[in-house]
Amino acid sequence: MFKKIIALTAALALAPVVMANNFGYGGFQGPGATSAVVRVSELGGFGMDDRPVILEGNVIQQLNHEIYKFSDGTDTINVEFDDDMMLPTFNSNTRVRLYGEVDSEFLGNMVDVKRIELI
């Protein structure tokens, strides 16, 4: 009986983690889906607002409590992590994969990050 209680408790504790990993950034998978990694150098210009993107590289600098500078080796872009987002521990040498969408601002584009993975 005690083993069943432990197993059930562990399963319930891990359920949110499993769900977040499987369904954290869902959407259409098939022809026309944007699922490939994008270079920062491709994000300049107009007409990018709300475009879903996946970036791989390094967060190289914190600019304020939500805004960071990201580099993939081709260029840099500002990225925003919301206050309520749980961030893993990382530094400028940690390679990350960012899932988000382009947010066109008056002074240029930035990426509103929805999920971060350490790679």
PDB file of N, CA and C in Angstrom:
ATOM      1  N   MET A   1       0.824  -1.200   0.000  1.00  0.00           N
ATOM      2  CA  MET A   1       0.000   0.000   0.000  1.00  0.00           C
ATOM      3  C   MET A   1       0.863   1.255   0.000  1.00  0.00           C
ATOM      4  N   PHE A   2       1.916   1.236   0.834  1.00  0.00           N
ATOM      5  CA  PHE A   2       2.803   2.391   0.928  1.00  0.00           C
ATOM      6  C   PHE A   2       3.511   2.640  -0.412  1.00  0.00           C
ATOM      7  N   LYS A   3       3.897   1.570  -1.105  1.00  0.00           N
ATOM      8  CA  LYS A   3       4.558   1.711  -2.403  1.00  0.00           C
ATOM      9  C   LYS A   3       3.613   2.331  -3.433  1.00  0.00           C
ATOM     10  N   LYS A   4       2.338   1.994  -3.372  1.00  0.00           N
ATOM     11  CA  LYS A   4       1.359   2.562  -4.299  1.00  0.00           C
ATOM     12  C   LYS A   4       1.192   4.054  -4.058  1.00  0.00           C
ATOM     13  N   ILE A   5       1.184   4.452  -2.793  1.00  0.00           N
ATOM     14  CA  ILE A   5       1.052   5.869  -2.454  1.00  0.00           C
ATOM     15  C   ILE A   5       2.268   6.640  -2.948  1.00  0.00           C
ATOM     16  N   ILE A   6       3.464   6.096  -2.765  1.00  0.00           N
ATOM     17  CA  ILE A   6       4.690   6.748  -3.230  1.00  0.00           C
ATOM     18  C   ILE A   6       4.672   6.873  -4.757  1.00  0.00           C
ATOM     19  N   ALA A   7       4.292   5.799  -5.444  1.00  0.00           N
ATOM     20  CA  ALA A   7       4.251   5.813  -6.904  1.00  0.00           C
ATOM     21  C   ALA A   7       3.240   6.832  -7.418  1.00  0.00           C
ATOM     22  N   LEU A   8       2.074   6.886  -6.799  1.00  0.00           N
ATOM     23  CA  LEU A   8       1.048   7.838  -7.209  1.00  0.00           C
ATOM     24  C   LEU A   8       1.511   9.276  -6.959  1.00  0.00           C
ATOM     25  N   THR A   9       2.131   9.517  -5.813  1.00  0.00           N
ATOM     26  CA  THR A   9       2.650  10.853  -5.490  1.00  0.00           C
ATOM     27  C   THR A   9       3.712  11.279  -6.494  1.00  0.00           C
ATOM     28  N   ALA A  10       4.611  10.376  -6.840  1.00  0.00           N
ATOM     29  CA  ALA A  10       5.664  10.690  -7.814  1.00  0.00           C
ATOM     30  C   ALA A  10       5.062  10.978  -9.184  1.00  0.00           C
ATOM     31  N   ALA A  11       4.078  10.185  -9.590  1.00  0.00           N
ATOM     32  CA  ALA A  11       3.443  10.398 -10.889  1.00  0.00           C
ATOM     33  C   ALA A  11       2.744  11.751 -10.945  1.00  0.00           C
ATOM     34  N   LEU A  12       2.054  12.109  -9.885  1.00  0.00           N
ATOM     35  CA  LEU A  12       1.371  13.404  -9.853  1.00  0.00           C
ATOM     36  C   LEU A  12       2.357  14.561  -9.819  1.00  0.00           C
ATOM     37  N   ALA A  13       3.480  14.383  -9.137  1.00  0.00           N
ATOM     38  CA  ALA A  13       4.485  15.436  -9.066  1.00  0.00           C
ATOM     39  C   ALA A  13       5.163  15.651 -10.415  1.00  0.00           C
ATOM     40  N   LEU A  14       5.355  14.589 -11.183  1.00  0.00           N
ATOM     41  CA  LEU A  14       6.040  14.698 -12.470  1.00  0.00           C
ATOM     42  C   LEU A  14       5.114  15.024 -13.631  1.00  0.00           C
ATOM     43  N   ALA A  15       3.829  14.915 -13.451  1.00  0.00           N
ATOM     44  CA  ALA A  15       2.882  15.141 -14.541  1.00  0.00           C
ATOM     45  C   ALA A  15       3.035  16.525 -15.181  1.00  0.00           C
ATOM     46  N   PRO A  16       3.151  17.628 -14.420  1.00  0.00           N
ATOM     47  CA  PRO A  16       3.318  18.936 -15.074  1.00  0.00           C
ATOM     48  C   PRO A  16       4.592  19.027 -15.902  1.00  0.00           C
ATOM     49  N   VAL A  17       5.667  18.401 -15.454  1.00  0.00           N
ATOM     50  CA  VAL A  17       6.926  18.428 -16.201  1.00  0.00           C
ATOM     51  C   VAL A  17       6.773  17.695 -17.522  1.00  0.00           C
ATOM     52  N   VAL A  18       6.167  16.537 -17.485  1.00  0.00           N
ATOM     53  CA  VAL A  18       5.959  15.756 -18.703  1.00  0.00           C
ATOM     54  C   VAL A  18       5.040  16.506 -19.652  1.00  0.00           C
ATOM     55  N   MET A  19       3.981  17.080 -19.151  1.00  0.00           N
ATOM     56  CA  MET A  19       3.046  17.815 -19.991  1.00  0.00           C
ATOM     57  C   MET A  19       3.716  19.030 -20.618  1.00  0.00           C
ATOM     58  N   ALA A  20       4.536  19.752 -19.851  1.00  0.00           N
ATOM     59  CA  ALA A  20       5.217  20.934 -20.376  1.00  0.00           C
ATOM     60  C   ALA A  20       6.185  20.548 -21.482  1.00  0.00           C
ATOM     61  N   ASN A  21       6.887  19.439 -21.316  1.00  0.00           N
ATOM     62  CA  ASN A  21       7.840  19.017 -22.339  1.00  0.00           C
ATOM     63  C   ASN A  21       7.134  18.538 -23.596  1.00  0.00           C
ATOM     64  N   ASN A  22       6.001  17.903 -23.457  1.00  0.00           N
ATOM     65  CA  ASN A  22       5.305  17.372 -24.621  1.00  0.00           C
ATOM     66  C   ASN A  22       4.409  18.392 -25.301  1.00  0.00           C
ATOM     67  N   PHE A  23       3.868  19.321 -24.545  1.00  0.00           N
ATOM     68  CA  PHE A  23       2.897  20.240 -25.109  1.00  0.00           C
ATOM     69  C   PHE A  23       3.256  21.704 -24.894  1.00  0.00           C
ATOM     70  N   GLY A  24       4.499  22.007 -24.540  1.00  0.00           N
ATOM     71  CA  GLY A  24       4.894  23.369 -24.209  1.00  0.00           C
ATOM     72  C   GLY A  24       4.820  24.337 -25.365  1.00  0.00           C
ATOM     73  N   TYR A  25       5.110  23.881 -26.569  1.00  0.00           N
ATOM     74  CA  TYR A  25       5.083  24.775 -27.723  1.00  0.00           C
ATOM     75  C   TYR A  25       4.507  23.997 -28.887  1.00  0.00           C
ATOM     76  N   GLY A  26       3.232  23.764 -28.828  1.00  0.00           N
ATOM     77  CA  GLY A  26       2.570  22.945 -29.825  1.00  0.00           C
ATOM     78  C   GLY A  26       2.210  23.731 -31.054  1.00  0.00           C
ATOM     79  N   GLY A  27       1.424  23.124 -31.859  1.00  0.00           N
ATOM     80  CA  GLY A  27       0.982  23.771 -33.078  1.00  0.00           C
ATOM     81  C   GLY A  27       0.976  22.781 -34.216  1.00  0.00           C
ATOM     82  N   PHE A  28       0.680  23.267 -35.382  1.00  0.00           N
ATOM     83  CA  PHE A  28       0.583  22.433 -36.565  1.00  0.00           C
ATOM     84  C   PHE A  28       1.934  21.861 -36.937  1.00  0.00           C
ATOM     85  N   GLN A  29       1.973  20.582 -37.208  1.00  0.00           N
ATOM     86  CA  GLN A  29       3.165  19.899 -37.684  1.00  0.00           C
ATOM     87  C   GLN A  29       2.850  19.340 -39.055  1.00  0.00           C
ATOM     88  N   GLY A  30       3.418  19.894 -40.102  1.00  0.00           N
ATOM     89  CA  GLY A  30       3.153  19.414 -41.450  1.00  0.00           C
ATOM     90  C   GLY A  30       3.554  20.449 -42.475  1.00  0.00           C
ATOM     91  N   PRO A  31       3.071  20.308 -43.715  1.00  0.00           N
ATOM     92  CA  PRO A  31       3.438  21.242 -44.776  1.00  0.00           C
ATOM     93  C   PRO A  31       3.125  22.686 -44.402  1.00  0.00           C
ATOM     94  N   GLY A  32       4.106  23.546 -44.566  1.00  0.00           N
ATOM     95  CA  GLY A  32       3.930  24.962 -44.266  1.00  0.00           C
ATOM     96  C   GLY A  32       4.216  25.337 -42.831  1.00  0.00           C
ATOM     97  N   ALA A  33       4.447  24.362 -41.962  1.00  0.00           N
ATOM     98  CA  ALA A  33       4.730  24.650 -40.556  1.00  0.00           C
ATOM     99  C   ALA A  33       6.136  25.228 -40.414  1.00  0.00           C
ATOM    100  N   THR A  34       6.274  26.199 -39.523  1.00  0.00           N
ATOM    101  CA  THR A  34       7.571  26.793 -39.251  1.00  0.00           C
ATOM    102  C   THR A  34       8.158  26.098 -38.042  1.00  0.00           C
ATOM    103  N   SER A  35       9.059  25.149 -38.275  1.00  0.00           N
ATOM    104  CA  SER A  35       9.649  24.435 -37.156  1.00  0.00           C
ATOM    105  C   SER A  35      11.163  24.400 -37.234  1.00  0.00           C
ATOM    106  N   ALA A  36      11.740  24.986 -38.273  1.00  0.00           N
ATOM    107  CA  ALA A  36      13.187  24.972 -38.420  1.00  0.00           C
ATOM    108  C   ALA A  36      13.804  26.128 -37.646  1.00  0.00           C
ATOM    109  N   VAL A  37      15.032  25.938 -37.235  1.00  0.00           N
ATOM    110  CA  VAL A  37      15.770  26.986 -36.542  1.00  0.00           C
ATOM    111  C   VAL A  37      16.021  28.130 -37.519  1.00  0.00           C
ATOM    112  N   VAL A  38      15.817  29.359 -37.056  1.00  0.00           N
ATOM    113  CA  VAL A  38      15.980  30.560 -37.855  1.00  0.00           C
ATOM    114  C   VAL A  38      17.235  31.290 -37.398  1.00  0.00           C
ATOM    115  N   ARG A  39      17.959  31.892 -38.329  1.00  0.00           N
ATOM    116  CA  ARG A  39      19.123  32.719 -37.975  1.00  0.00           C
ATOM    117  C   ARG A  39      18.642  34.112 -37.587  1.00  0.00           C
ATOM    118  N   VAL A  40      19.331  34.717 -36.631  1.00  0.00           N
ATOM    119  CA  VAL A  40      18.984  36.072 -36.208  1.00  0.00           C
ATOM    120  C   VAL A  40      19.100  37.033 -37.385  1.00  0.00           C
ATOM    121  N   SER A  41      20.081  36.824 -38.250  1.00  0.00           N
ATOM    122  CA  SER A  41      20.285  37.714 -39.394  1.00  0.00           C
ATOM    123  C   SER A  41      19.085  37.711 -40.350  1.00  0.00           C
ATOM    124  N   GLU A  42      18.218  36.703 -40.273  1.00  0.00           N
ATOM    125  CA  GLU A  42      17.024  36.628 -41.121  1.00  0.00           C
ATOM    126  C   GLU A  42      15.839  37.396 -40.540  1.00  0.00           C
ATOM    127  N   LEU A  43      15.974  37.921 -39.333  1.00  0.00           N
ATOM    128  CA  LEU A  43      14.837  38.542 -38.644  1.00  0.00           C
ATOM    129  C   LEU A  43      14.771  40.050 -38.804  1.00  0.00           C
ATOM    130  N   GLY A  44      15.648  40.633 -39.589  1.00  0.00           N
ATOM    131  CA  GLY A  44      15.609  42.075 -39.803  1.00  0.00           C
ATOM    132  C   GLY A  44      14.509  42.445 -40.773  1.00  0.00           C
ATOM    133  N   GLY A  45      14.178  43.698 -40.823  1.00  0.00           N
ATOM    134  CA  GLY A  45      13.199  44.173 -41.795  1.00  0.00           C
ATOM    135  C   GLY A  45      11.775  44.154 -41.282  1.00  0.00           C
ATOM    136  N   PHE A  46      10.880  44.506 -42.186  1.00  0.00           N
ATOM    137  CA  PHE A  46       9.463  44.629 -41.855  1.00  0.00           C
ATOM    138  C   PHE A  46       8.718  43.342 -42.165  1.00  0.00           C
ATOM    139  N   GLY A  47       7.509  43.224 -41.673  1.00  0.00           N
ATOM    140  CA  GLY A  47       6.659  42.086 -41.972  1.00  0.00           C
ATOM    141  C   GLY A  47       6.967  40.850 -41.150  1.00  0.00           C
ATOM    142  N   MET A  48       7.701  41.000 -40.057  1.00  0.00           N
ATOM    143  CA  MET A  48       8.069  39.858 -39.224  1.00  0.00           C
ATOM    144  C   MET A  48       7.191  39.726 -37.986  1.00  0.00           C
ATOM    145  N   ASP A  49       6.360  40.706 -37.680  1.00  0.00           N
ATOM    146  CA  ASP A  49       5.607  40.715 -36.431  1.00  0.00           C
ATOM    147  C   ASP A  49       4.769  39.449 -36.277  1.00  0.00           C
ATOM    148  N   ASP A  50       4.839  38.865 -35.096  1.00  0.00           N
ATOM    149  CA  ASP A  50       4.092  37.660 -34.703  1.00  0.00           C
ATOM    150  C   ASP A  50       4.563  36.390 -35.420  1.00  0.00           C
ATOM    151  N   ARG A  51       5.676  36.445 -36.117  1.00  0.00           N
ATOM    152  CA  ARG A  51       6.205  35.247 -36.785  1.00  0.00           C
ATOM    153  C   ARG A  51       6.785  34.311 -35.727  1.00  0.00           C
ATOM    154  N   PRO A  52       6.343  33.047 -35.688  1.00  0.00           N
ATOM    155  CA  PRO A  52       6.933  32.098 -34.740  1.00  0.00           C
ATOM    156  C   PRO A  52       8.360  31.747 -35.164  1.00  0.00           C
ATOM    157  N   VAL A  53       9.282  31.693 -34.188  1.00  0.00           N
ATOM    158  CA  VAL A  53      10.677  31.400 -34.484  1.00  0.00           C
ATOM    159  C   VAL A  53      11.254  30.442 -33.452  1.00  0.00           C
ATOM    160  N   ILE A  54      12.275  29.727 -33.887  1.00  0.00           N
ATOM    161  CA  ILE A  54      13.109  28.917 -33.012  1.00  0.00           C
ATOM    162  C   ILE A  54      14.538  29.392 -33.247  1.00  0.00           C
ATOM    163  N   LEU A  55      15.206  29.800 -32.186  1.00  0.00           N
ATOM    164  CA  LEU A  55      16.582  30.289 -32.270  1.00  0.00           C
ATOM    165  C   LEU A  55      17.499  29.404 -31.450  1.00  0.00           C
ATOM    166  N   GLU A  56      18.725  29.203 -31.915  1.00  0.00           N
ATOM    167  CA  GLU A  56      19.742  28.480 -31.148  1.00  0.00           C
ATOM    168  C   GLU A  56      20.986  29.337 -31.071  1.00  0.00           C
ATOM    169  N   GLY A  57      21.525  29.449 -29.876  1.00  0.00           N
ATOM    170  CA  GLY A  57      22.726  30.253 -29.673  1.00  0.00           C
ATOM    171  C   GLY A  57      22.946  30.498 -28.199  1.00  0.00           C
ATOM    172  N   ASN A  58      23.390  31.730 -27.870  1.00  0.00           N
ATOM    173  CA  ASN A  58      23.726  32.075 -26.498  1.00  0.00           C
ATOM    174  C   ASN A  58      23.089  33.393 -26.092  1.00  0.00           C
ATOM    175  N   VAL A  59      22.592  33.438 -24.872  1.00  0.00           N
ATOM    176  CA  VAL A  59      22.172  34.694 -24.266  1.00  0.00           C
ATOM    177  C   VAL A  59      23.448  35.322 -23.729  1.00  0.00           C
ATOM    178  N   ILE A  60      23.827  36.482 -24.263  1.00  0.00           N
ATOM    179  CA  ILE A  60      25.151  37.024 -23.960  1.00  0.00           C
ATOM    180  C   ILE A  60      25.150  38.179 -22.969  1.00  0.00           C
ATOM    181  N   GLN A  61      23.981  38.769 -22.711  1.00  0.00           N
ATOM    182  CA  GLN A  61      23.954  39.907 -21.796  1.00  0.00           C
ATOM    183  C   GLN A  61      22.541  40.152 -21.291  1.00  0.00           C
ATOM    184  N   GLN A  62      22.427  40.505 -20.011  1.00  0.00           N
ATOM    185  CA  GLN A  62      21.139  40.909 -19.455  1.00  0.00           C
ATOM    186  C   GLN A  62      21.061  42.426 -19.513  1.00  0.00           C
ATOM    187  N   LEU A  63      20.021  42.954 -20.147  1.00  0.00           N
ATOM    188  CA  LEU A  63      19.866  44.399 -20.294  1.00  0.00           C
ATOM    189  C   LEU A  63      18.988  44.998 -19.208  1.00  0.00           C
ATOM    190  N   ASN A  64      17.944  44.277 -18.779  1.00  0.00           N
ATOM    191  CA  ASN A  64      17.142  44.634 -17.613  1.00  0.00           C
ATOM    192  C   ASN A  64      16.482  43.358 -17.111  1.00  0.00           C
ATOM    193  N   HIS A  65      15.494  43.472 -16.231  1.00  0.00           N
ATOM    194  CA  HIS A  65      14.952  42.269 -15.594  1.00  0.00           C
ATOM    195  C   HIS A  65      14.237  41.327 -16.559  1.00  0.00           C
ATOM    196  N   GLU A  66      13.807  41.790 -17.735  1.00  0.00           N
ATOM    197  CA  GLU A  66      13.126  40.925 -18.700  1.00  0.00           C
ATOM    198  C   GLU A  66      13.832  40.836 -20.048  1.00  0.00           C
ATOM    199  N   ILE A  67      14.667  41.793 -20.382  1.00  0.00           N
ATOM    200  CA  ILE A  67      15.269  41.892 -21.714  1.00  0.00           C
ATOM    201  C   ILE A  67      16.726  41.435 -21.667  1.00  0.00           C
ATOM    202  N   TYR A  68      17.078  40.568 -22.616  1.00  0.00           N
ATOM    203  CA  TYR A  68      18.431  40.029 -22.733  1.00  0.00           C
ATOM    204  C   TYR A  68      18.886  40.173 -24.178  1.00  0.00           C
ATOM    205  N   LYS A  69      20.190  40.184 -24.394  1.00  0.00           N
ATOM    206  CA  LYS A  69      20.761  40.185 -25.741  1.00  0.00           C
ATOM    207  C   LYS A  69      21.142  38.755 -26.088  1.00  0.00           C
ATOM    208  N   PHE A  70      20.703  38.290 -27.269  1.00  0.00           N
ATOM    209  CA  PHE A  70      20.920  36.926 -27.737  1.00  0.00           C
ATOM    210  C   PHE A  70      21.761  36.961 -29.005  1.00  0.00           C
ATOM    211  N   SER A  71      22.669  36.010 -29.151  1.00  0.00           N
ATOM    212  CA  SER A  71      23.483  35.888 -30.356  1.00  0.00           C
ATOM    213  C   SER A  71      23.505  34.444 -30.829  1.00  0.00           C
ATOM    214  N   ASP A  72      23.390  34.286 -32.144  1.00  0.00           N
ATOM    215  CA  ASP A  72      23.535  32.954 -32.729  1.00  0.00           C
ATOM    216  C   ASP A  72      24.796  32.860 -33.578  1.00  0.00           C
ATOM    217  N   GLY A  73      25.642  33.869 -33.523  1.00  0.00           N
ATOM    218  CA  GLY A  73      26.870  33.891 -34.311  1.00  0.00           C
ATOM    219  C   GLY A  73      26.724  34.648 -35.615  1.00  0.00           C
ATOM    220  N   THR A  74      25.478  34.859 -36.096  1.00  0.00           N
ATOM    221  CA  THR A  74      25.273  35.621 -37.324  1.00  0.00           C
ATOM    222  C   THR A  74      24.923  37.071 -37.018  1.00  0.00           C
ATOM    223  N   ASP A  75      24.286  37.306 -35.873  1.00  0.00           N
ATOM    224  CA  ASP A  75      23.859  38.645 -35.479  1.00  0.00           C
ATOM    225  C   ASP A  75      23.340  38.570 -34.043  1.00  0.00           C
ATOM    226  N   THR A  76      22.917  39.702 -33.506  1.00  0.00           N
ATOM    227  CA  THR A  76      22.324  39.728 -32.166  1.00  0.00           C
ATOM    228  C   THR A  76      20.914  40.306 -32.259  1.00  0.00           C
ATOM    229  N   ILE A  77      20.093  39.938 -31.265  1.00  0.00           N
ATOM    230  CA  ILE A  77      18.732  40.464 -31.166  1.00  0.00           C
ATOM    231  C   ILE A  77      18.353  40.471 -29.696  1.00  0.00           C
ATOM    232  N   ASN A  78      17.524  41.410 -29.312  1.00  0.00           N
ATOM    233  CA  ASN A  78      17.012  41.433 -27.945  1.00  0.00           C
ATOM    234  C   ASN A  78      15.877  40.419 -27.824  1.00  0.00           C
ATOM    235  N   VAL A  79      15.867  39.714 -26.698  1.00  0.00           N
ATOM    236  CA  VAL A  79      14.818  38.740 -26.407  1.00  0.00           C
ATOM    237  C   VAL A  79      14.206  39.090 -25.055  1.00  0.00           C
ATOM    238  N   GLU A  80      12.928  38.779 -24.904  1.00  0.00           N
ATOM    239  CA  GLU A  80      12.211  39.090 -23.670  1.00  0.00           C
ATOM    240  C   GLU A  80      11.700  37.815 -23.015  1.00  0.00           C
ATOM    241  N   PHE A  81      12.065  37.633 -21.748  1.00  0.00           N
ATOM    242  CA  PHE A  81      11.536  36.547 -20.921  1.00  0.00           C
ATOM    243  C   PHE A  81      10.564  37.181 -19.943  1.00  0.00           C
ATOM    244  N   ASP A  82       9.314  36.749 -19.929  1.00  0.00           N
ATOM    245  CA  ASP A  82       8.331  37.303 -19.001  1.00  0.00           C
ATOM    246  C   ASP A  82       8.702  36.991 -17.559  1.00  0.00           C
ATOM    247  N   ASP A  83       8.267  37.861 -16.646  1.00  0.00           N
ATOM    248  CA  ASP A  83       8.545  37.698 -15.216  1.00  0.00           C
ATOM    249  C   ASP A  83       8.058  36.364 -14.675  1.00  0.00           C
ATOM    250  N   ASP A  84       6.925  35.881 -15.178  1.00  0.00           N
ATOM    251  CA  ASP A  84       6.342  34.656 -14.642  1.00  0.00           C
ATOM    252  C   ASP A  84       6.947  33.384 -15.243  1.00  0.00           C
ATOM    253  N   MET A  85       7.908  33.521 -16.139  1.00  0.00           N
ATOM    254  CA  MET A  85       8.544  32.371 -16.774  1.00  0.00           C
ATOM    255  C   MET A  85       9.640  31.817 -15.877  1.00  0.00           C
ATOM    256  N   MET A  86       9.636  30.494 -15.669  1.00  0.00           N
ATOM    257  CA  MET A  86      10.692  29.860 -14.877  1.00  0.00           C
ATOM    258  C   MET A  86      11.899  29.631 -15.770  1.00  0.00           C
ATOM    259  N   LEU A  87      12.983  30.322 -15.481  1.00  0.00           N
ATOM    260  CA  LEU A  87      14.197  30.206 -16.283  1.00  0.00           C
ATOM    261  C   LEU A  87      15.154  29.204 -15.653  1.00  0.00           C
ATOM    262  N   PRO A  88      15.795  28.366 -16.477  1.00  0.00           N
ATOM    263  CA  PRO A  88      16.852  27.511 -15.944  1.00  0.00           C
ATOM    264  C   PRO A  88      18.083  28.369 -15.663  1.00  0.00           C
ATOM    265  N   THR A  89      19.012  27.829 -14.916  1.00  0.00           N
ATOM    266  CA  THR A  89      20.269  28.540 -14.666  1.00  0.00           C
ATOM    267  C   THR A  89      21.142  28.424 -15.905  1.00  0.00           C
ATOM    268  N   PHE A  90      21.598  29.564 -16.420  1.00  0.00           N
ATOM    269  CA  PHE A  90      22.460  29.571 -17.596  1.00  0.00           C
ATOM    270  C   PHE A  90      23.362  30.792 -17.546  1.00  0.00           C
ATOM    271  N   ASN A  91      24.415  30.779 -18.368  1.00  0.00           N
ATOM    272  CA  ASN A  91      25.302  31.935 -18.485  1.00  0.00           C
ATOM    273  C   ASN A  91      25.598  32.164 -19.962  1.00  0.00           C
ATOM    274  N   SER A  92      26.519  33.074 -20.261  1.00  0.00           N
ATOM    275  CA  SER A  92      26.779  33.431 -21.656  1.00  0.00           C
ATOM    276  C   SER A  92      27.446  32.312 -22.448  1.00  0.00           C
ATOM    277  N   ASN A  93      27.950  31.279 -21.780  1.00  0.00           N
ATOM    278  CA  ASN A  93      28.566  30.146 -22.469  1.00  0.00           C
ATOM    279  C   ASN A  93      27.593  28.987 -22.687  1.00  0.00           C
ATOM    280  N   THR A  94      26.392  29.078 -22.138  1.00  0.00           N
ATOM    281  CA  THR A  94      25.399  28.017 -22.239  1.00  0.00           C
ATOM    282  C   THR A  94      24.633  28.140 -23.551  1.00  0.00           C
ATOM    283  N   ARG A  95      24.656  27.090 -24.370  1.00  0.00           N
ATOM    284  CA  ARG A  95      23.855  27.097 -25.607  1.00  0.00           C
ATOM    285  C   ARG A  95      22.398  26.825 -25.259  1.00  0.00           C
ATOM    286  N   VAL A  96      21.528  27.624 -25.851  1.00  0.00           N
ATOM    287  CA  VAL A  96      20.101  27.506 -25.580  1.00  0.00           C
ATOM    288  C   VAL A  96      19.319  27.456 -26.878  1.00  0.00           C
ATOM    289  N   ARG A  97      18.112  26.908 -26.791  1.00  0.00           N
ATOM    290  CA  ARG A  97      17.146  26.946 -27.887  1.00  0.00           C
ATOM    291  C   ARG A  97      15.962  27.743 -27.368  1.00  0.00           C
ATOM    292  N   LEU A  98      15.611  28.805 -28.081  1.00  0.00           N
ATOM    293  CA  LEU A  98      14.511  29.673 -27.691  1.00  0.00           C
ATOM    294  C   LEU A  98      13.341  29.486 -28.652  1.00  0.00           C
ATOM    295  N   TYR A  99      12.159  29.324 -28.108  1.00  0.00           N
ATOM    296  CA  TYR A  99      10.927  29.244 -28.884  1.00  0.00           C
ATOM    297  C   TYR A  99      10.135  30.508 -28.581  1.00  0.00           C
ATOM    298  N   GLY A 100       9.730  31.226 -29.599  1.00  0.00           N
ATOM    299  CA  GLY A 100       8.988  32.451 -29.353  1.00  0.00           C
ATOM    300  C   GLY A 100       8.412  33.016 -30.628  1.00  0.00           C
ATOM    301  N   GLU A 101       8.106  34.313 -30.565  1.00  0.00           N
ATOM    302  CA  GLU A 101       7.589  34.991 -31.750  1.00  0.00           C
ATOM    303  C   GLU A 101       8.198  36.374 -31.840  1.00  0.00           C
ATOM    304  N   VAL A 102       8.350  36.836 -33.067  1.00  0.00           N
ATOM    305  CA  VAL A 102       8.937  38.149 -33.319  1.00  0.00           C
ATOM    306  C   VAL A 102       7.945  39.219 -32.892  1.00  0.00           C
ATOM    307  N   ASP A 103       8.467  40.222 -32.222  1.00  0.00           N
ATOM    308  CA  ASP A 103       7.677  41.368 -31.788  1.00  0.00           C
ATOM    309  C   ASP A 103       8.303  42.600 -32.434  1.00  0.00           C
ATOM    310  N   SER A 104       7.636  43.156 -33.426  1.00  0.00           N
ATOM    311  CA  SER A 104       8.165  44.337 -34.115  1.00  0.00           C
ATOM    312  C   SER A 104       7.925  45.574 -33.264  1.00  0.00           C
ATOM    313  N   GLU A 105       9.006  46.234 -32.920  1.00  0.00           N
ATOM    314  CA  GLU A 105       8.957  47.449 -32.115  1.00  0.00           C
ATOM    315  C   GLU A 105       9.371  48.637 -32.982  1.00  0.00           C
ATOM    316  N   PHE A 106       9.199  49.839 -32.475  1.00  0.00           N
ATOM    317  CA  PHE A 106       9.557  51.053 -33.205  1.00  0.00           C
ATOM    318  C   PHE A 106      11.043  51.063 -33.561  1.00  0.00           C
ATOM    319  N   LEU A 107      11.886  50.597 -32.650  1.00  0.00           N
ATOM    320  CA  LEU A 107      13.332  50.629 -32.864  1.00  0.00           C
ATOM    321  C   LEU A 107      13.890  49.334 -33.446  1.00  0.00           C
ATOM    322  N   GLY A 108      13.044  48.412 -33.840  1.00  0.00           N
ATOM    323  CA  GLY A 108      13.513  47.166 -34.434  1.00  0.00           C
ATOM    324  C   GLY A 108      12.758  45.972 -33.878  1.00  0.00           C
ATOM    325  N   ASN A 109      13.153  44.794 -34.328  1.00  0.00           N
ATOM    326  CA  ASN A 109      12.495  43.566 -33.906  1.00  0.00           C
ATOM    327  C   ASN A 109      13.138  43.002 -32.648  1.00  0.00           C
ATOM    328  N   MET A 110      12.335  42.323 -31.863  1.00  0.00           N
ATOM    329  CA  MET A 110      12.829  41.540 -30.734  1.00  0.00           C
ATOM    330  C   MET A 110      12.012  40.258 -30.694  1.00  0.00           C
ATOM    331  N   VAL A 111      12.430  39.310 -29.858  1.00  0.00           N
ATOM    332  CA  VAL A 111      11.717  38.041 -29.774  1.00  0.00           C
ATOM    333  C   VAL A 111      11.112  37.900 -28.392  1.00  0.00           C
ATOM    334  N   ASP A 112       9.810  37.650 -28.351  1.00  0.00           N
ATOM    335  CA  ASP A 112       9.094  37.372 -27.115  1.00  0.00           C
ATOM    336  C   ASP A 112       9.198  35.861 -26.891  1.00  0.00           C
ATOM    337  N   VAL A 113      10.014  35.459 -25.918  1.00  0.00           N
ATOM    338  CA  VAL A 113      10.317  34.042 -25.696  1.00  0.00           C
ATOM    339  C   VAL A 113       9.195  33.376 -24.920  1.00  0.00           C
ATOM    340  N   LYS A 114       8.727  32.249 -25.433  1.00  0.00           N
ATOM    341  CA  LYS A 114       7.686  31.461 -24.779  1.00  0.00           C
ATOM    342  C   LYS A 114       8.267  30.273 -24.016  1.00  0.00           C
ATOM    343  N   ARG A 115       9.409  29.752 -24.521  1.00  0.00           N
ATOM    344  CA  ARG A 115      10.040  28.581 -23.875  1.00  0.00           C
ATOM    345  C   ARG A 115      11.537  28.620 -24.151  1.00  0.00           C
ATOM    346  N   ILE A 116      12.312  28.135 -23.188  1.00  0.00           N
ATOM    347  CA  ILE A 116      13.759  28.045 -23.341  1.00  0.00           C
ATOM    348  C   ILE A 116      14.201  26.619 -23.002  1.00  0.00           C
ATOM    349  N   GLU A 117      15.132  26.090 -23.795  1.00  0.00           N
ATOM    350  CA  GLU A 117      15.727  24.784 -23.535  1.00  0.00           C
ATOM    351  C   GLU A 117      17.242  24.935 -23.517  1.00  0.00           C
ATOM    352  N   LEU A 118      17.900  24.240 -22.610  1.00  0.00           N
ATOM    353  CA  LEU A 118      19.353  24.172 -22.622  1.00  0.00           C
ATOM    354  C   LEU A 118      19.750  23.068 -23.580  1.00  0.00           C
ATOM    355  N   ILE A 119      20.719  23.343 -24.458  1.00  0.00           N
ATOM    356  CA  ILE A 119      21.161  22.311 -25.412  1.00  0.00           C
ATOM    357  C   ILE A 119      22.659  22.080 -25.306  1.00  0.00           C
TER     358      ILE A 119
END
